[in-house]
Amino acid sequence: LILESSILYSGFLTIEALRLKHSLFAGGDSPELRRELLRQGHVAAVLLYDPVADTVVMVEQFRVGKIPHEPQQPWMVELVAGYLEGDERPEDVARRECLEEAGCVIDRLYPIRSYYVTPGVSSEMMHLFWAPVDSRSVHGIHGLPNEGEDIRVHVWPWDEVSAMLDDGRIDSATPVIALMWLRENRPRIRNEFGKRLQDD
């Protein structure tokens, strides 16, 4: 039950102050709580995987959230991703971001799952997909300069990506989740989609 809400800040992010109560597992209500909520929308992210070459396409870019922990190395290896705007569908955003961030035009797009990113402080919802891609022509630096984007594309063999996952070089939640999913599903995907893409 929200008793009062007010906007503390509205810029690149929106921060809302809340006074609230909630029901307790043992019955009754909690005392009044004060919380700050980072108001964020929905995000679409795409794991780009080439099942023929057995390679993964990932992007590297500057991330302000890394500065307090690694101020000399504030770049992260991630998946293509972007926020939904207005009434956009996650699938449409996924396709747009693949083109803007990695120069990839994707045909087929398959859902992995949707999940809350950090519900303790944020309302952000992630819609995670994977898409088969021909990685042979994927390379370069991409992004929209007017949005301050400077995005480098990497194409890595699965074995190298798997090692990066295990030794912590990939340390952002969404790619970790996506790559663990790929590790489980890779044999099936290679069998099904690798043959299909070769036939195409």
N, C-alpha and C. Protein backbone atom coordinates (compact mmCIF):
# COMPACT_ATOMS: atom_id res chain seq x y z
N LEU A 1 0.85 -1.19 0.00
CA LEU A 1 0.00 0.00 0.00
C LEU A 1 0.89 1.24 0.00
N ILE A 2 0.81 2.03 -1.05
CA ILE A 2 1.60 3.25 -1.14
C ILE A 2 0.86 4.39 -0.44
N LEU A 3 1.50 4.96 0.55
CA LEU A 3 0.91 6.05 1.31
C LEU A 3 1.21 7.41 0.68
N GLU A 4 2.40 7.53 0.12
CA GLU A 4 2.80 8.80 -0.50
C GLU A 4 3.94 8.53 -1.47
N SER A 5 3.97 9.25 -2.58
CA SER A 5 5.08 9.14 -3.51
C SER A 5 5.43 10.52 -4.05
N SER A 6 6.71 10.72 -4.34
CA SER A 6 7.16 11.99 -4.91
C SER A 6 8.41 11.73 -5.73
N ILE A 7 8.61 12.52 -6.78
CA ILE A 7 9.77 12.38 -7.64
C ILE A 7 10.92 13.19 -7.05
N LEU A 8 12.01 12.51 -6.73
CA LEU A 8 13.19 13.17 -6.19
C LEU A 8 14.07 13.74 -7.31
N TYR A 9 14.11 13.00 -8.42
CA TYR A 9 14.97 13.42 -9.52
C TYR A 9 14.44 12.83 -10.82
N SER A 10 14.50 13.60 -11.89
CA SER A 10 14.11 13.11 -13.20
C SER A 10 15.10 13.63 -14.23
N GLY A 11 15.88 12.71 -14.79
CA GLY A 11 16.88 13.05 -15.80
C GLY A 11 17.07 11.84 -16.67
N PHE A 12 18.32 11.39 -16.83
CA PHE A 12 18.55 10.13 -17.54
C PHE A 12 17.84 9.00 -16.82
N LEU A 13 17.78 9.12 -15.50
CA LEU A 13 17.02 8.18 -14.66
C LEU A 13 15.99 8.97 -13.86
N THR A 14 14.97 8.26 -13.37
CA THR A 14 13.97 8.87 -12.50
C THR A 14 14.00 8.16 -11.15
N ILE A 15 14.12 8.94 -10.08
CA ILE A 15 14.15 8.38 -8.72
C ILE A 15 12.92 8.87 -7.98
N GLU A 16 12.14 7.92 -7.44
CA GLU A 16 10.90 8.21 -6.74
C GLU A 16 11.04 7.86 -5.27
N ALA A 17 10.57 8.74 -4.39
CA ALA A 17 10.54 8.47 -2.96
C ALA A 17 9.17 7.94 -2.59
N LEU A 18 9.13 6.86 -1.81
CA LEU A 18 7.86 6.21 -1.44
C LEU A 18 7.76 6.07 0.08
N ARG A 19 6.56 6.31 0.59
CA ARG A 19 6.17 5.87 1.93
C ARG A 19 5.16 4.78 1.72
N LEU A 20 5.37 3.61 2.36
CA LEU A 20 4.49 2.48 2.07
C LEU A 20 4.42 1.50 3.23
N LYS A 21 3.45 0.63 3.15
CA LYS A 21 3.32 -0.53 4.02
C LYS A 21 3.04 -1.74 3.14
N HIS A 22 3.33 -2.93 3.68
CA HIS A 22 2.95 -4.15 2.95
C HIS A 22 2.51 -5.22 3.94
N SER A 23 1.76 -6.18 3.45
CA SER A 23 1.28 -7.26 4.32
C SER A 23 2.45 -8.15 4.73
N LEU A 24 2.34 -8.74 5.91
CA LEU A 24 3.39 -9.60 6.45
C LEU A 24 3.00 -11.07 6.30
N PHE A 25 3.98 -11.94 6.15
CA PHE A 25 3.70 -13.37 6.01
C PHE A 25 2.97 -13.93 7.22
N ALA A 26 3.26 -13.39 8.40
CA ALA A 26 2.63 -13.88 9.63
C ALA A 26 1.28 -13.22 9.89
N GLY A 27 0.87 -12.32 9.00
CA GLY A 27 -0.39 -11.61 9.17
C GLY A 27 -0.16 -10.17 9.59
N GLY A 28 -1.13 -9.33 9.29
CA GLY A 28 -1.02 -7.91 9.63
C GLY A 28 -0.18 -7.16 8.61
N ASP A 29 0.17 -5.94 8.97
CA ASP A 29 0.92 -5.07 8.07
C ASP A 29 2.27 -4.71 8.66
N SER A 30 3.18 -4.36 7.79
CA SER A 30 4.49 -3.89 8.21
C SER A 30 4.37 -2.50 8.80
N PRO A 31 5.39 -2.04 9.52
CA PRO A 31 5.41 -0.62 9.89
C PRO A 31 5.61 0.20 8.62
N GLU A 32 5.42 1.49 8.73
CA GLU A 32 5.63 2.36 7.57
C GLU A 32 7.10 2.32 7.16
N LEU A 33 7.31 2.13 5.87
CA LEU A 33 8.66 2.07 5.32
C LEU A 33 8.89 3.24 4.38
N ARG A 34 10.12 3.68 4.30
CA ARG A 34 10.51 4.70 3.32
C ARG A 34 11.52 4.06 2.38
N ARG A 35 11.24 4.14 1.11
CA ARG A 35 12.11 3.54 0.10
C ARG A 35 12.29 4.50 -1.08
N GLU A 36 13.43 4.37 -1.74
CA GLU A 36 13.64 5.07 -3.01
C GLU A 36 13.58 4.04 -4.13
N LEU A 37 12.86 4.38 -5.19
CA LEU A 37 12.69 3.47 -6.32
C LEU A 37 13.27 4.10 -7.57
N LEU A 38 14.15 3.36 -8.22
CA LEU A 38 14.68 3.77 -9.51
C LEU A 38 13.66 3.35 -10.57
N ARG A 39 12.95 4.33 -11.12
CA ARG A 39 11.88 4.07 -12.10
C ARG A 39 12.51 3.85 -13.47
N GLN A 40 12.53 2.60 -13.89
CA GLN A 40 13.07 2.26 -15.20
C GLN A 40 12.06 1.40 -15.94
N GLY A 41 12.14 1.42 -17.24
CA GLY A 41 11.18 0.68 -18.03
C GLY A 41 11.64 -0.72 -18.37
N HIS A 42 11.20 -1.19 -19.53
CA HIS A 42 11.54 -2.52 -20.00
C HIS A 42 12.75 -2.44 -20.92
N VAL A 43 13.54 -3.51 -20.90
CA VAL A 43 14.73 -3.61 -21.72
C VAL A 43 14.66 -4.89 -22.53
N ALA A 44 15.15 -4.85 -23.76
CA ALA A 44 15.31 -6.05 -24.57
C ALA A 44 16.79 -6.29 -24.79
N ALA A 45 17.24 -7.52 -24.59
CA ALA A 45 18.63 -7.90 -24.81
C ALA A 45 18.67 -9.15 -25.68
N VAL A 46 19.72 -9.24 -26.51
CA VAL A 46 19.80 -10.34 -27.46
C VAL A 46 21.16 -11.03 -27.39
N LEU A 47 21.13 -12.33 -27.20
CA LEU A 47 22.32 -13.17 -27.33
C LEU A 47 22.44 -13.55 -28.80
N LEU A 48 23.47 -13.03 -29.46
CA LEU A 48 23.71 -13.32 -30.87
C LEU A 48 24.68 -14.49 -30.97
N TYR A 49 24.19 -15.59 -31.54
CA TYR A 49 24.99 -16.83 -31.60
C TYR A 49 24.98 -17.38 -33.01
N ASP A 50 26.16 -17.74 -33.50
CA ASP A 50 26.32 -18.36 -34.81
C ASP A 50 26.48 -19.87 -34.59
N PRO A 51 25.42 -20.65 -34.83
CA PRO A 51 25.50 -22.09 -34.55
C PRO A 51 26.32 -22.86 -35.57
N VAL A 52 26.62 -22.27 -36.72
CA VAL A 52 27.47 -22.93 -37.71
C VAL A 52 28.94 -22.77 -37.33
N ALA A 53 29.35 -21.54 -37.08
CA ALA A 53 30.74 -21.28 -36.69
C ALA A 53 30.99 -21.53 -35.21
N ASP A 54 29.94 -21.68 -34.43
CA ASP A 54 30.02 -21.85 -32.97
C ASP A 54 30.71 -20.65 -32.33
N THR A 55 30.23 -19.47 -32.72
CA THR A 55 30.77 -18.22 -32.19
C THR A 55 29.67 -17.37 -31.57
N VAL A 56 30.08 -16.50 -30.66
CA VAL A 56 29.16 -15.60 -29.98
C VAL A 56 29.56 -14.16 -30.30
N VAL A 57 28.56 -13.35 -30.64
CA VAL A 57 28.79 -11.93 -30.91
C VAL A 57 28.44 -11.15 -29.65
N MET A 58 29.41 -10.39 -29.13
CA MET A 58 29.17 -9.58 -27.95
C MET A 58 29.66 -8.17 -28.19
N VAL A 59 29.24 -7.25 -27.33
CA VAL A 59 29.64 -5.85 -27.48
C VAL A 59 30.34 -5.38 -26.21
N GLU A 60 31.22 -4.41 -26.38
CA GLU A 60 31.97 -3.83 -25.27
C GLU A 60 31.73 -2.33 -25.25
N GLN A 61 31.37 -1.79 -24.07
CA GLN A 61 31.11 -0.36 -23.99
C GLN A 61 31.33 0.15 -22.57
N PHE A 62 31.44 1.47 -22.47
CA PHE A 62 31.62 2.15 -21.19
C PHE A 62 30.38 1.99 -20.32
N ARG A 63 30.58 1.71 -19.02
CA ARG A 63 29.47 1.58 -18.07
C ARG A 63 29.81 2.34 -16.79
N VAL A 64 28.99 3.37 -16.50
CA VAL A 64 29.26 4.23 -15.35
C VAL A 64 29.19 3.47 -14.04
N GLY A 65 28.37 2.42 -13.96
CA GLY A 65 28.24 1.65 -12.72
C GLY A 65 29.49 0.90 -12.33
N LYS A 66 30.44 0.78 -13.23
CA LYS A 66 31.69 0.07 -12.91
C LYS A 66 32.73 0.98 -12.29
N ILE A 67 32.54 2.30 -12.40
CA ILE A 67 33.55 3.26 -11.94
C ILE A 67 33.88 3.10 -10.45
N PRO A 68 32.89 2.95 -9.54
CA PRO A 68 33.26 2.83 -8.13
C PRO A 68 34.12 1.61 -7.82
N HIS A 69 34.04 0.58 -8.64
CA HIS A 69 34.77 -0.66 -8.37
C HIS A 69 36.06 -0.76 -9.17
N GLU A 70 36.03 -0.34 -10.43
CA GLU A 70 37.20 -0.41 -11.30
C GLU A 70 37.32 0.88 -12.11
N PRO A 71 37.72 1.97 -11.45
CA PRO A 71 37.73 3.28 -12.13
C PRO A 71 38.67 3.35 -13.33
N GLN A 72 39.68 2.49 -13.37
CA GLN A 72 40.62 2.51 -14.50
C GLN A 72 40.15 1.64 -15.66
N GLN A 73 39.08 0.87 -15.44
CA GLN A 73 38.62 -0.06 -16.48
C GLN A 73 37.09 -0.10 -16.51
N PRO A 74 36.44 1.02 -16.84
CA PRO A 74 34.96 1.06 -16.78
C PRO A 74 34.26 0.60 -18.06
N TRP A 75 34.82 -0.42 -18.71
CA TRP A 75 34.17 -0.99 -19.90
C TRP A 75 33.73 -2.41 -19.58
N MET A 76 32.63 -2.82 -20.16
CA MET A 76 32.10 -4.15 -19.89
C MET A 76 31.75 -4.86 -21.18
N VAL A 77 31.89 -6.17 -21.16
CA VAL A 77 31.47 -7.04 -22.26
C VAL A 77 30.04 -7.47 -21.98
N GLU A 78 29.15 -7.19 -22.93
CA GLU A 78 27.73 -7.40 -22.69
C GLU A 78 27.04 -7.93 -23.94
N LEU A 79 25.72 -8.06 -23.84
CA LEU A 79 24.88 -8.37 -24.99
C LEU A 79 24.36 -7.08 -25.60
N VAL A 80 23.97 -7.15 -26.84
CA VAL A 80 23.21 -6.06 -27.45
C VAL A 80 21.94 -5.85 -26.63
N ALA A 81 21.60 -4.60 -26.30
CA ALA A 81 20.42 -4.34 -25.48
C ALA A 81 19.98 -2.90 -25.62
N GLY A 82 18.70 -2.64 -25.31
CA GLY A 82 18.19 -1.28 -25.35
C GLY A 82 16.84 -1.18 -24.67
N TYR A 83 16.51 0.04 -24.25
CA TYR A 83 15.24 0.30 -23.58
C TYR A 83 14.09 0.41 -24.58
N LEU A 84 12.93 -0.07 -24.15
CA LEU A 84 11.71 0.12 -24.92
C LEU A 84 11.25 1.57 -24.76
N GLU A 85 10.75 2.13 -25.83
CA GLU A 85 10.23 3.49 -25.81
C GLU A 85 8.77 3.48 -26.22
N GLY A 86 7.93 4.15 -25.44
CA GLY A 86 6.51 4.23 -25.77
C GLY A 86 5.86 2.86 -25.81
N ASP A 87 5.20 2.56 -26.92
CA ASP A 87 4.49 1.28 -27.06
C ASP A 87 5.29 0.24 -27.83
N GLU A 88 6.60 0.41 -27.90
CA GLU A 88 7.42 -0.55 -28.63
C GLU A 88 7.31 -1.95 -28.04
N ARG A 89 7.39 -2.95 -28.90
CA ARG A 89 7.44 -4.34 -28.46
C ARG A 89 8.90 -4.72 -28.21
N PRO A 90 9.15 -5.61 -27.26
CA PRO A 90 10.53 -6.04 -27.02
C PRO A 90 11.21 -6.59 -28.27
N GLU A 91 10.46 -7.32 -29.09
CA GLU A 91 11.04 -7.89 -30.31
C GLU A 91 11.52 -6.80 -31.26
N ASP A 92 10.75 -5.72 -31.37
CA ASP A 92 11.14 -4.63 -32.26
C ASP A 92 12.39 -3.92 -31.76
N VAL A 93 12.48 -3.73 -30.46
CA VAL A 93 13.66 -3.10 -29.87
C VAL A 93 14.88 -3.99 -30.06
N ALA A 94 14.69 -5.29 -29.87
CA ALA A 94 15.80 -6.23 -30.05
C ALA A 94 16.38 -6.13 -31.45
N ARG A 95 15.53 -6.11 -32.45
CA ARG A 95 16.00 -6.02 -33.84
C ARG A 95 16.70 -4.67 -34.10
N ARG A 96 16.12 -3.59 -33.58
CA ARG A 96 16.71 -2.28 -33.78
C ARG A 96 18.09 -2.17 -33.15
N GLU A 97 18.20 -2.68 -31.93
CA GLU A 97 19.47 -2.57 -31.22
C GLU A 97 20.54 -3.46 -31.85
N CYS A 98 20.16 -4.60 -32.41
CA CYS A 98 21.14 -5.45 -33.09
C CYS A 98 21.77 -4.71 -34.26
N LEU A 99 20.96 -3.95 -34.96
CA LEU A 99 21.48 -3.17 -36.09
C LEU A 99 22.32 -2.00 -35.61
N GLU A 100 21.82 -1.26 -34.60
CA GLU A 100 22.52 -0.06 -34.13
C GLU A 100 23.83 -0.38 -33.42
N GLU A 101 23.83 -1.44 -32.61
CA GLU A 101 24.98 -1.71 -31.76
C GLU A 101 25.98 -2.69 -32.36
N ALA A 102 25.51 -3.58 -33.26
CA ALA A 102 26.40 -4.60 -33.80
C ALA A 102 26.40 -4.70 -35.32
N GLY A 103 25.57 -3.90 -35.97
CA GLY A 103 25.50 -3.95 -37.42
C GLY A 103 24.88 -5.23 -37.94
N CYS A 104 24.08 -5.90 -37.12
CA CYS A 104 23.47 -7.18 -37.49
C CYS A 104 22.00 -7.00 -37.84
N VAL A 105 21.62 -7.51 -39.00
CA VAL A 105 20.20 -7.61 -39.35
C VAL A 105 19.78 -9.03 -39.02
N ILE A 106 18.87 -9.16 -38.05
CA ILE A 106 18.47 -10.51 -37.63
C ILE A 106 17.10 -10.84 -38.20
N ASP A 107 16.94 -12.09 -38.55
CA ASP A 107 15.70 -12.58 -39.13
C ASP A 107 14.84 -13.21 -38.05
N ARG A 108 15.36 -14.27 -37.46
CA ARG A 108 14.61 -14.99 -36.44
C ARG A 108 15.06 -14.59 -35.04
N LEU A 109 14.11 -14.52 -34.14
CA LEU A 109 14.35 -14.08 -32.77
C LEU A 109 13.57 -15.00 -31.84
N TYR A 110 14.24 -15.51 -30.80
CA TYR A 110 13.61 -16.50 -29.94
C TYR A 110 13.72 -16.07 -28.48
N PRO A 111 12.61 -16.10 -27.74
CA PRO A 111 12.66 -15.69 -26.33
C PRO A 111 13.37 -16.71 -25.45
N ILE A 112 14.15 -16.20 -24.51
CA ILE A 112 14.74 -17.06 -23.47
C ILE A 112 13.90 -16.95 -22.21
N ARG A 113 13.77 -15.73 -21.67
CA ARG A 113 12.87 -15.47 -20.55
C ARG A 113 12.89 -13.99 -20.23
N SER A 114 11.91 -13.56 -19.44
CA SER A 114 11.86 -12.20 -18.91
C SER A 114 12.07 -12.26 -17.40
N TYR A 115 12.71 -11.23 -16.84
CA TYR A 115 12.98 -11.24 -15.41
C TYR A 115 13.23 -9.82 -14.90
N TYR A 116 13.02 -9.63 -13.60
CA TYR A 116 13.36 -8.37 -12.94
C TYR A 116 14.87 -8.33 -12.74
N VAL A 117 15.47 -7.19 -12.98
CA VAL A 117 16.93 -7.08 -12.91
C VAL A 117 17.41 -6.88 -11.48
N THR A 118 16.96 -5.82 -10.81
CA THR A 118 17.32 -5.55 -9.42
C THR A 118 16.09 -5.04 -8.68
N PRO A 119 15.12 -5.90 -8.38
CA PRO A 119 13.84 -5.44 -7.84
C PRO A 119 13.91 -4.83 -6.45
N GLY A 120 15.04 -4.96 -5.78
CA GLY A 120 15.18 -4.31 -4.48
C GLY A 120 15.20 -2.80 -4.57
N VAL A 121 15.61 -2.27 -5.73
CA VAL A 121 15.72 -0.82 -5.88
C VAL A 121 15.17 -0.30 -7.21
N SER A 122 14.90 -1.20 -8.17
CA SER A 122 14.57 -0.75 -9.52
C SER A 122 13.35 -1.50 -10.07
N SER A 123 12.62 -0.82 -10.96
CA SER A 123 11.46 -1.44 -11.60
C SER A 123 11.81 -2.05 -12.96
N GLU A 124 13.08 -2.07 -13.32
CA GLU A 124 13.49 -2.53 -14.65
C GLU A 124 13.14 -4.00 -14.87
N MET A 125 12.58 -4.29 -16.05
CA MET A 125 12.25 -5.65 -16.48
C MET A 125 13.04 -5.96 -17.74
N MET A 126 13.75 -7.08 -17.73
CA MET A 126 14.56 -7.50 -18.86
C MET A 126 13.83 -8.57 -19.67
N HIS A 127 13.80 -8.38 -20.99
CA HIS A 127 13.27 -9.38 -21.91
C HIS A 127 14.46 -9.92 -22.70
N LEU A 128 14.82 -11.16 -22.44
CA LEU A 128 16.03 -11.74 -22.99
C LEU A 128 15.70 -12.68 -24.15
N PHE A 129 16.40 -12.48 -25.27
CA PHE A 129 16.21 -13.29 -26.47
C PHE A 129 17.55 -13.86 -26.93
N TRP A 130 17.45 -14.82 -27.84
CA TRP A 130 18.64 -15.21 -28.61
C TRP A 130 18.26 -15.18 -30.08
N ALA A 131 19.26 -14.97 -30.93
CA ALA A 131 19.03 -14.93 -32.37
C ALA A 131 20.19 -15.58 -33.09
N PRO A 132 19.90 -16.44 -34.07
CA PRO A 132 20.98 -17.00 -34.89
C PRO A 132 21.51 -15.93 -35.84
N VAL A 133 22.82 -15.92 -36.03
CA VAL A 133 23.43 -14.89 -36.86
C VAL A 133 24.62 -15.49 -37.61
N ASP A 134 24.88 -14.98 -38.79
CA ASP A 134 26.09 -15.32 -39.53
C ASP A 134 27.16 -14.34 -39.09
N SER A 135 28.10 -14.80 -38.31
CA SER A 135 29.07 -13.89 -37.67
C SER A 135 30.24 -13.53 -38.57
N ARG A 136 30.31 -14.08 -39.75
CA ARG A 136 31.49 -13.85 -40.60
C ARG A 136 31.66 -12.38 -41.01
N SER A 137 30.56 -11.66 -41.11
CA SER A 137 30.66 -10.26 -41.55
C SER A 137 30.42 -9.26 -40.42
N VAL A 138 30.43 -9.74 -39.20
CA VAL A 138 30.14 -8.87 -38.05
C VAL A 138 31.46 -8.36 -37.48
N HIS A 139 31.59 -7.04 -37.38
CA HIS A 139 32.82 -6.45 -36.85
C HIS A 139 32.61 -4.94 -36.69
N GLY A 140 33.61 -4.27 -36.16
CA GLY A 140 33.62 -2.82 -36.16
C GLY A 140 33.18 -2.15 -34.88
N ILE A 141 33.05 -0.83 -34.98
CA ILE A 141 32.61 0.01 -33.87
C ILE A 141 31.28 0.63 -34.28
N HIS A 142 30.29 0.53 -33.39
CA HIS A 142 28.94 0.96 -33.72
C HIS A 142 28.37 1.83 -32.60
N GLY A 143 27.06 2.10 -32.68
CA GLY A 143 26.38 2.93 -31.70
C GLY A 143 25.95 4.25 -32.30
N LEU A 144 25.10 4.96 -31.57
CA LEU A 144 24.60 6.25 -32.01
C LEU A 144 25.39 7.36 -31.32
N PRO A 145 26.16 8.14 -32.06
CA PRO A 145 26.94 9.22 -31.44
C PRO A 145 26.09 10.21 -30.66
N ASN A 146 24.86 10.49 -31.15
CA ASN A 146 24.00 11.45 -30.45
C ASN A 146 23.52 10.93 -29.10
N GLU A 147 23.68 9.62 -28.86
CA GLU A 147 23.33 9.04 -27.56
C GLU A 147 24.58 8.72 -26.75
N GLY A 148 25.73 9.19 -27.24
CA GLY A 148 26.99 8.97 -26.52
C GLY A 148 27.47 7.54 -26.57
N GLU A 149 27.05 6.78 -27.59
CA GLU A 149 27.41 5.37 -27.67
C GLU A 149 28.72 5.19 -28.44
N ASP A 150 29.58 4.36 -27.90
CA ASP A 150 30.85 3.99 -28.53
C ASP A 150 31.01 2.50 -28.25
N ILE A 151 30.57 1.67 -29.18
CA ILE A 151 30.39 0.25 -28.92
C ILE A 151 31.27 -0.57 -29.85
N ARG A 152 32.13 -1.38 -29.26
CA ARG A 152 33.02 -2.24 -30.05
C ARG A 152 32.44 -3.65 -30.08
N VAL A 153 32.41 -4.24 -31.28
CA VAL A 153 31.86 -5.58 -31.47
C VAL A 153 32.98 -6.61 -31.40
N HIS A 154 32.69 -7.72 -30.71
CA HIS A 154 33.62 -8.85 -30.64
C HIS A 154 32.91 -10.09 -31.14
N VAL A 155 33.64 -10.94 -31.85
CA VAL A 155 33.16 -12.27 -32.23
C VAL A 155 34.14 -13.28 -31.67
N TRP A 156 33.67 -14.09 -30.73
CA TRP A 156 34.55 -15.04 -30.06
C TRP A 156 34.06 -16.47 -30.24
N PRO A 157 34.97 -17.43 -30.37
CA PRO A 157 34.57 -18.84 -30.36
C PRO A 157 33.93 -19.20 -29.03
N TRP A 158 33.02 -20.14 -29.07
CA TRP A 158 32.31 -20.52 -27.85
C TRP A 158 33.27 -20.91 -26.73
N ASP A 159 34.32 -21.66 -27.03
CA ASP A 159 35.23 -22.10 -25.98
C ASP A 159 35.85 -20.91 -25.25
N GLU A 160 36.18 -19.86 -25.98
CA GLU A 160 36.76 -18.67 -25.35
C GLU A 160 35.73 -17.94 -24.50
N VAL A 161 34.51 -17.82 -25.03
CA VAL A 161 33.44 -17.16 -24.26
C VAL A 161 33.14 -17.95 -23.00
N SER A 162 33.12 -19.27 -23.11
CA SER A 162 32.87 -20.11 -21.95
C SER A 162 33.94 -19.92 -20.89
N ALA A 163 35.20 -19.81 -21.32
CA ALA A 163 36.29 -19.56 -20.38
C ALA A 163 36.16 -18.18 -19.73
N MET A 164 35.75 -17.18 -20.52
CA MET A 164 35.55 -15.83 -19.98
C MET A 164 34.43 -15.82 -18.95
N LEU A 165 33.41 -16.63 -19.18
CA LEU A 165 32.32 -16.75 -18.22
C LEU A 165 32.81 -17.37 -16.92
N ASP A 166 33.62 -18.40 -17.04
CA ASP A 166 34.08 -19.12 -15.86
C ASP A 166 35.09 -18.32 -15.04
N ASP A 167 35.95 -17.53 -15.72
CA ASP A 167 36.99 -16.83 -14.95
C ASP A 167 36.60 -15.41 -14.55
N GLY A 168 35.36 -15.00 -14.86
CA GLY A 168 34.85 -13.72 -14.38
C GLY A 168 35.10 -12.54 -15.29
N ARG A 169 35.67 -12.76 -16.48
CA ARG A 169 35.85 -11.63 -17.39
C ARG A 169 34.51 -11.12 -17.92
N ILE A 170 33.53 -11.99 -17.97
CA ILE A 170 32.15 -11.57 -18.24
C ILE A 170 31.45 -11.53 -16.90
N ASP A 171 31.12 -10.32 -16.43
CA ASP A 171 30.64 -10.17 -15.05
C ASP A 171 29.41 -9.29 -14.94
N SER A 172 28.66 -9.16 -16.02
CA SER A 172 27.38 -8.45 -15.99
C SER A 172 26.26 -9.49 -16.00
N ALA A 173 25.19 -9.25 -15.24
CA ALA A 173 24.20 -10.28 -14.97
C ALA A 173 23.54 -10.85 -16.23
N THR A 174 23.12 -9.99 -17.15
CA THR A 174 22.37 -10.48 -18.30
C THR A 174 23.20 -11.39 -19.20
N PRO A 175 24.44 -11.03 -19.58
CA PRO A 175 25.22 -11.99 -20.35
C PRO A 175 25.55 -13.26 -19.59
N VAL A 176 25.75 -13.16 -18.29
CA VAL A 176 25.99 -14.37 -17.49
C VAL A 176 24.80 -15.32 -17.60
N ILE A 177 23.59 -14.77 -17.42
CA ILE A 177 22.38 -15.59 -17.51
C ILE A 177 22.24 -16.18 -18.91
N ALA A 178 22.43 -15.35 -19.93
CA ALA A 178 22.26 -15.80 -21.31
C ALA A 178 23.28 -16.88 -21.67
N LEU A 179 24.52 -16.70 -21.27
CA LEU A 179 25.56 -17.66 -21.64
C LEU A 179 25.43 -18.96 -20.86
N MET A 180 24.96 -18.90 -19.64
CA MET A 180 24.67 -20.14 -18.91
C MET A 180 23.53 -20.90 -19.59
N TRP A 181 22.55 -20.15 -20.08
CA TRP A 181 21.46 -20.78 -20.85
C TRP A 181 22.02 -21.40 -22.12
N LEU A 182 22.92 -20.70 -22.81
CA LEU A 182 23.49 -21.23 -24.04
C LEU A 182 24.32 -22.48 -23.76
N ARG A 183 25.04 -22.46 -22.68
CA ARG A 183 25.84 -23.65 -22.32
C ARG A 183 24.95 -24.88 -22.19
N GLU A 184 23.79 -24.70 -21.64
CA GLU A 184 22.84 -25.82 -21.47
C GLU A 184 22.19 -26.21 -22.79
N ASN A 185 21.90 -25.24 -23.63
CA ASN A 185 21.12 -25.49 -24.84
C ASN A 185 21.93 -25.55 -26.13
N ARG A 186 23.22 -25.31 -26.06
CA ARG A 186 24.06 -25.22 -27.25
C ARG A 186 24.03 -26.48 -28.12
N PRO A 187 24.13 -27.68 -27.56
CA PRO A 187 24.08 -28.86 -28.43
C PRO A 187 22.80 -28.95 -29.25
N ARG A 188 21.67 -28.67 -28.61
CA ARG A 188 20.39 -28.70 -29.33
C ARG A 188 20.34 -27.62 -30.41
N ILE A 189 20.79 -26.43 -30.08
CA ILE A 189 20.75 -25.32 -31.03
C ILE A 189 21.65 -25.61 -32.23
N ARG A 190 22.85 -26.11 -31.97
CA ARG A 190 23.76 -26.40 -33.07
C ARG A 190 23.18 -27.48 -33.98
N ASN A 191 22.57 -28.47 -33.39
CA ASN A 191 21.98 -29.54 -34.17
C ASN A 191 20.82 -29.05 -35.02
N GLU A 192 19.94 -28.25 -34.41
CA GLU A 192 18.74 -27.81 -35.10
C GLU A 192 19.01 -26.63 -36.04
N PHE A 193 19.63 -25.59 -35.53
CA PHE A 193 19.76 -24.36 -36.30
C PHE A 193 20.98 -24.37 -37.21
N GLY A 194 22.05 -25.06 -36.82
CA GLY A 194 23.22 -25.12 -37.68
C GLY A 194 22.90 -25.76 -39.01
N LYS A 195 22.19 -26.86 -38.97
CA LYS A 195 21.80 -27.54 -40.20
C LYS A 195 20.84 -26.68 -41.01
N ARG A 196 19.91 -26.02 -40.33
CA ARG A 196 18.92 -25.22 -41.02
C ARG A 196 19.58 -24.03 -41.73
N LEU A 197 20.55 -23.39 -41.06
CA LEU A 197 21.21 -22.24 -41.67
C LEU A 197 22.08 -22.67 -42.85
N GLN A 198 22.71 -23.83 -42.75
CA GLN A 198 23.51 -24.31 -43.85
C GLN A 198 22.63 -24.65 -45.05
N ASP A 199 21.44 -25.17 -44.77
CA ASP A 199 20.51 -25.47 -45.86
C ASP A 199 20.03 -24.20 -46.55
N ASP A 200 19.88 -23.10 -45.75
CA ASP A 200 19.46 -21.83 -46.32
C ASP A 200 20.51 -21.25 -47.26
